[in-house]
């Protein structure tokens, strides 16, 4: 049986197998911003990977900390794969207007994809035009940056409960700013991951920690078992 490498070497055109779409969704380049403003892609289909977040680099197949903000299409709720991919039809639901990374991708030659991928990325400040909402985003980033969290995590061994409490305070802030944004500005809850990134209670495991929400709404922080 031919290996995947052999197939990629011999293939010279897309056969619409859907493997790339079924793996994960693309991130957005600045060139893709018209897709958002023309309502081809809406905020509920996107989420933000914040600077310093641990993610998988699918190009090199490794985990790494992002050095910049990335806006990405969500994966399907039923499993892996881009949210805009129709698995039954094996087709992109916005194929004629698909993001630039998708247009550039060829499984047999990554040259053009790498060129597009290395270009300027879309940022939340490019998408969010409401100054009040932008202030909330910047306030959240200042209080809840992964750099700050990492600093507190490193201090746990020396400062103990004091460092843990600082992390818990950040987790509470992250939760409350989402709640207040939903209530005060009537923002769709599905857009919170675009505005503020994924909840810290979900991403805190990148520091080897687990969080459990108590019945009174408070958080309990524990070390993740290997």
Protein backbone atom coordinates (compact mmCIF):
# COMPACT_ATOMS: atom_id res chain seq x y z
CA UNK A 1 0.00 0.00 0.00
CA UNK A 2 1.30 3.45 -0.89
CA UNK A 3 2.24 5.65 2.04
CA UNK A 4 0.74 9.09 2.66
CA UNK A 5 4.09 10.58 1.62
CA UNK A 6 3.97 8.71 -1.68
CA UNK A 7 0.43 9.91 -2.34
CA UNK A 8 1.33 13.51 -1.60
CA UNK A 9 4.37 13.26 -3.85
CA UNK A 10 2.39 11.89 -6.80
CA UNK A 11 -0.75 14.02 -6.41
CA UNK A 12 -0.88 17.25 -8.39
CA UNK A 13 -4.47 18.38 -7.81
CA UNK A 14 -7.18 18.36 -5.13
CA UNK A 15 -9.45 15.30 -5.18
CA UNK A 16 -11.86 16.83 -2.60
CA UNK A 17 -11.22 14.07 -0.07
CA UNK A 18 -11.92 16.51 2.76
CA UNK A 19 -9.03 15.35 4.96
CA UNK A 20 -7.69 18.87 5.47
CA UNK A 21 -11.14 20.22 6.45
CA UNK A 22 -11.83 17.24 8.69
CA UNK A 23 -8.62 17.85 10.64
CA UNK A 24 -9.19 21.39 11.96
CA UNK A 25 -10.37 24.85 10.93
CA UNK A 26 -8.06 27.54 9.56
CA UNK A 27 -6.99 30.73 11.28
CA UNK A 28 -7.81 34.06 9.66
CA UNK A 29 -5.33 36.33 7.95
CA UNK A 30 -5.93 40.08 7.67
CA UNK A 31 -6.84 39.43 4.03
CA UNK A 32 -9.84 37.43 5.31
CA UNK A 33 -11.44 40.30 7.24
CA UNK A 34 -14.01 41.00 4.46
CA UNK A 35 -15.42 37.52 5.11
CA UNK A 36 -16.34 38.70 8.61
CA UNK A 37 -17.64 42.14 7.69
CA UNK A 38 -19.67 40.73 4.78
CA UNK A 39 -21.21 38.14 7.15
CA UNK A 40 -19.79 35.11 5.35
CA UNK A 41 -18.28 34.09 8.71
CA UNK A 42 -19.83 35.33 11.96
CA UNK A 43 -18.44 35.76 15.45
CA UNK A 44 -20.09 32.63 16.81
CA UNK A 45 -17.96 30.52 14.45
CA UNK A 46 -14.68 32.03 15.67
CA UNK A 47 -12.53 31.96 18.77
CA UNK A 48 -9.32 33.70 19.79
CA UNK A 49 -6.09 31.97 20.69
CA UNK A 50 -4.40 34.53 22.91
CA UNK A 51 -0.71 35.30 22.94
CA UNK A 52 1.18 32.83 25.13
CA UNK A 53 -1.43 30.07 24.83
CA UNK A 54 -0.27 26.49 24.31
CA UNK A 55 -1.59 25.09 21.02
CA UNK A 56 -0.70 22.40 18.52
CA UNK A 57 1.28 23.52 15.51
CA UNK A 58 -0.29 21.36 12.80
CA UNK A 59 2.40 22.25 10.29
CA UNK A 60 5.23 20.83 12.42
CA UNK A 61 3.00 18.52 14.51
CA UNK A 62 4.12 19.83 17.89
CA UNK A 63 2.86 21.82 20.86
CA UNK A 64 4.11 25.38 21.19
CA UNK A 65 3.27 28.67 22.86
CA UNK A 66 1.84 31.21 20.44
CA UNK A 67 3.86 34.39 20.08
CA UNK A 68 0.92 36.33 18.67
CA UNK A 69 -2.85 36.49 18.80
CA UNK A 70 -4.69 34.18 16.39
CA UNK A 71 -8.36 34.16 15.40
CA UNK A 72 -9.45 30.69 14.37
CA UNK A 73 -12.54 28.94 13.07
CA UNK A 74 -14.04 26.60 15.65
CA UNK A 75 -14.03 22.86 15.26
CA UNK A 76 -17.32 21.02 14.97
CA UNK A 77 -19.08 20.17 18.22
CA UNK A 78 -19.36 16.54 17.13
CA UNK A 79 -15.61 16.15 16.85
CA UNK A 80 -12.54 17.32 14.94
CA UNK A 81 -12.87 19.32 11.77
CA UNK A 82 -13.78 22.82 10.70
CA UNK A 83 -17.21 24.02 11.80
CA UNK A 84 -17.93 25.05 8.21
CA UNK A 85 -17.22 21.59 6.80
CA UNK A 86 -20.23 19.47 5.84
CA UNK A 87 -19.05 15.93 6.49
CA UNK A 88 -22.04 14.29 4.77
CA UNK A 89 -21.49 16.27 1.58
CA UNK A 90 -17.70 16.28 2.03
CA UNK A 91 -17.71 19.94 1.12
CA UNK A 92 -17.01 23.37 2.58
CA UNK A 93 -20.25 25.29 3.10
CA UNK A 94 -18.56 28.55 2.01
CA UNK A 95 -16.21 27.05 -0.57
CA UNK A 96 -16.46 29.96 -3.02
CA UNK A 97 -15.53 32.37 -0.19
CA UNK A 98 -13.26 30.17 1.89
CA UNK A 99 -10.41 31.76 3.90
CA UNK A 100 -7.06 32.38 2.24
CA UNK A 101 -5.30 29.56 4.10
CA UNK A 102 -7.84 27.11 2.68
CA UNK A 103 -7.43 28.48 -0.82
CA UNK A 104 -3.65 28.16 -0.57
CA UNK A 105 -3.53 24.68 0.96
CA UNK A 106 -2.32 21.78 -1.18
CA UNK A 107 -1.55 18.53 0.61
CA UNK A 108 1.12 17.69 -1.99
CA UNK A 109 2.91 21.05 -1.79
CA UNK A 110 2.83 23.38 1.24
CA UNK A 111 4.81 26.21 -0.35
CA UNK A 112 1.90 28.58 -1.01
CA UNK A 113 0.19 27.73 2.27
CA UNK A 114 3.36 28.52 4.22
CA UNK A 115 3.66 31.85 2.41
CA UNK A 116 0.08 32.82 3.28
CA UNK A 117 0.35 31.49 6.83
CA UNK A 118 3.42 33.60 7.53
CA UNK A 119 1.57 36.78 6.55
CA UNK A 120 -0.25 39.19 8.89
CA UNK A 121 -2.91 37.57 11.09
CA UNK A 122 -6.35 38.99 11.81
CA UNK A 123 -6.63 40.47 15.32
CA UNK A 124 -9.57 41.23 17.60
CA UNK A 125 -8.86 44.94 17.19
CA UNK A 126 -9.44 44.47 13.44
CA UNK A 127 -12.89 42.97 14.05
CA UNK A 128 -14.28 44.73 17.12
CA UNK A 129 -15.17 48.33 16.39
CA UNK A 130 -17.16 49.17 19.56
CA UNK A 131 -14.74 51.21 21.74
CA UNK A 132 -16.43 50.06 24.97
CA UNK A 133 -16.04 46.44 23.99
CA UNK A 134 -12.44 47.01 22.98
CA UNK A 135 -11.73 48.52 26.40
CA UNK A 136 -13.11 45.37 28.04
CA UNK A 137 -10.94 43.20 25.83
CA UNK A 138 -7.81 45.21 26.67
CA UNK A 139 -8.68 45.21 30.39
CA UNK A 140 -9.14 41.44 30.30
CA UNK A 141 -5.82 40.99 28.50
CA UNK A 142 -4.04 43.17 31.03
CA UNK A 143 -5.48 41.26 33.98
CA UNK A 144 -5.57 37.74 32.53
CA UNK A 145 -2.58 37.46 30.21
CA UNK A 146 -0.91 34.06 30.06
CA UNK A 147 2.38 35.73 30.94
CA UNK A 148 0.94 36.90 34.26
CA UNK A 149 -0.61 33.52 34.99
CA UNK A 150 2.67 31.78 34.18
CA UNK A 151 4.48 34.08 36.61
CA UNK A 152 2.06 33.21 39.43
CA UNK A 153 2.30 29.48 38.66
CA UNK A 154 6.10 29.65 38.98
CA UNK A 155 5.70 31.35 42.36
CA UNK A 156 3.51 28.61 43.86
CA UNK A 157 6.48 26.63 45.18
CA UNK A 158 7.78 29.69 47.07
CA UNK A 159 4.63 31.65 47.91
CA UNK A 160 2.19 28.78 48.26
CA UNK A 161 -1.40 29.84 48.97
CA UNK A 162 -0.68 33.48 48.14
CA UNK A 163 0.25 32.63 44.53
CA UNK A 164 -2.67 30.21 44.26
CA UNK A 165 -5.08 32.92 45.38
CA UNK A 166 -3.78 35.28 42.70
CA UNK A 167 -4.54 32.65 40.08
CA UNK A 168 -8.01 32.08 41.53
CA UNK A 169 -8.68 35.82 41.41
CA UNK A 170 -7.78 35.84 37.72
CA UNK A 171 -10.10 32.89 37.07
CA UNK A 172 -12.93 34.72 38.81
CA UNK A 173 -12.25 37.88 36.80
CA UNK A 174 -12.25 35.90 33.56
CA UNK A 175 -15.62 34.38 34.41
CA UNK A 176 -17.20 37.64 35.59
CA UNK A 177 -16.17 39.76 32.62
CA UNK A 178 -17.88 37.26 30.33
CA UNK A 179 -21.03 37.32 32.42
CA UNK A 180 -21.15 41.12 32.59
CA UNK A 181 -20.46 41.50 28.87
CA UNK A 182 -23.36 39.19 28.11
CA UNK A 183 -25.73 40.95 30.51
CA UNK A 184 -24.76 44.61 30.03
CA UNK A 185 -23.98 44.62 26.31
CA UNK A 186 -26.36 41.83 25.22
CA UNK A 187 -23.57 39.97 23.44
CA UNK A 188 -24.28 36.43 22.21
CA UNK A 189 -22.59 34.03 24.69
CA UNK A 190 -21.21 32.11 21.71
CA UNK A 191 -19.06 35.14 20.83
CA UNK A 192 -17.29 35.29 24.20
CA UNK A 193 -14.49 32.99 23.03
CA UNK A 194 -13.80 35.40 20.17
CA UNK A 195 -13.80 38.44 22.45
CA UNK A 196 -11.87 37.01 25.42
CA UNK A 197 -10.37 33.75 24.19
CA UNK A 198 -11.30 30.38 25.62
CA UNK A 199 -12.25 30.38 29.33
CA UNK A 200 -9.24 30.13 31.60
CA UNK A 201 -10.98 27.34 33.47
CA UNK A 202 -10.58 25.31 30.24
CA UNK A 203 -7.02 26.34 29.34
CA UNK A 204 -5.43 26.37 32.82
CA UNK A 205 -4.40 22.74 32.30
CA UNK A 206 -1.54 24.01 30.10
CA UNK A 207 0.16 24.94 33.39
CA UNK A 208 -0.40 21.49 34.87
CA UNK A 209 -3.38 22.70 36.92
CA UNK A 210 -7.01 21.68 37.13
CA UNK A 211 -9.90 23.88 38.21
CA UNK A 212 -13.19 22.79 39.73
CA UNK A 213 -16.11 25.12 40.29
CA UNK A 214 -17.73 24.75 43.70
CA UNK A 215 -21.47 25.00 44.37
CA UNK A 216 -21.03 28.54 45.71
CA UNK A 217 -19.46 29.65 42.42
CA UNK A 218 -15.89 29.74 43.71
CA UNK A 219 -13.01 27.84 42.14
CA UNK A 220 -10.83 25.07 43.56
CA UNK A 221 -7.37 24.73 42.02
CA UNK A 222 -5.52 21.43 42.08
CA UNK A 223 -2.43 19.95 40.43
CA UNK A 224 -3.26 17.89 37.34
CA UNK A 225 -2.37 14.23 37.68
CA UNK A 226 0.20 12.96 35.15
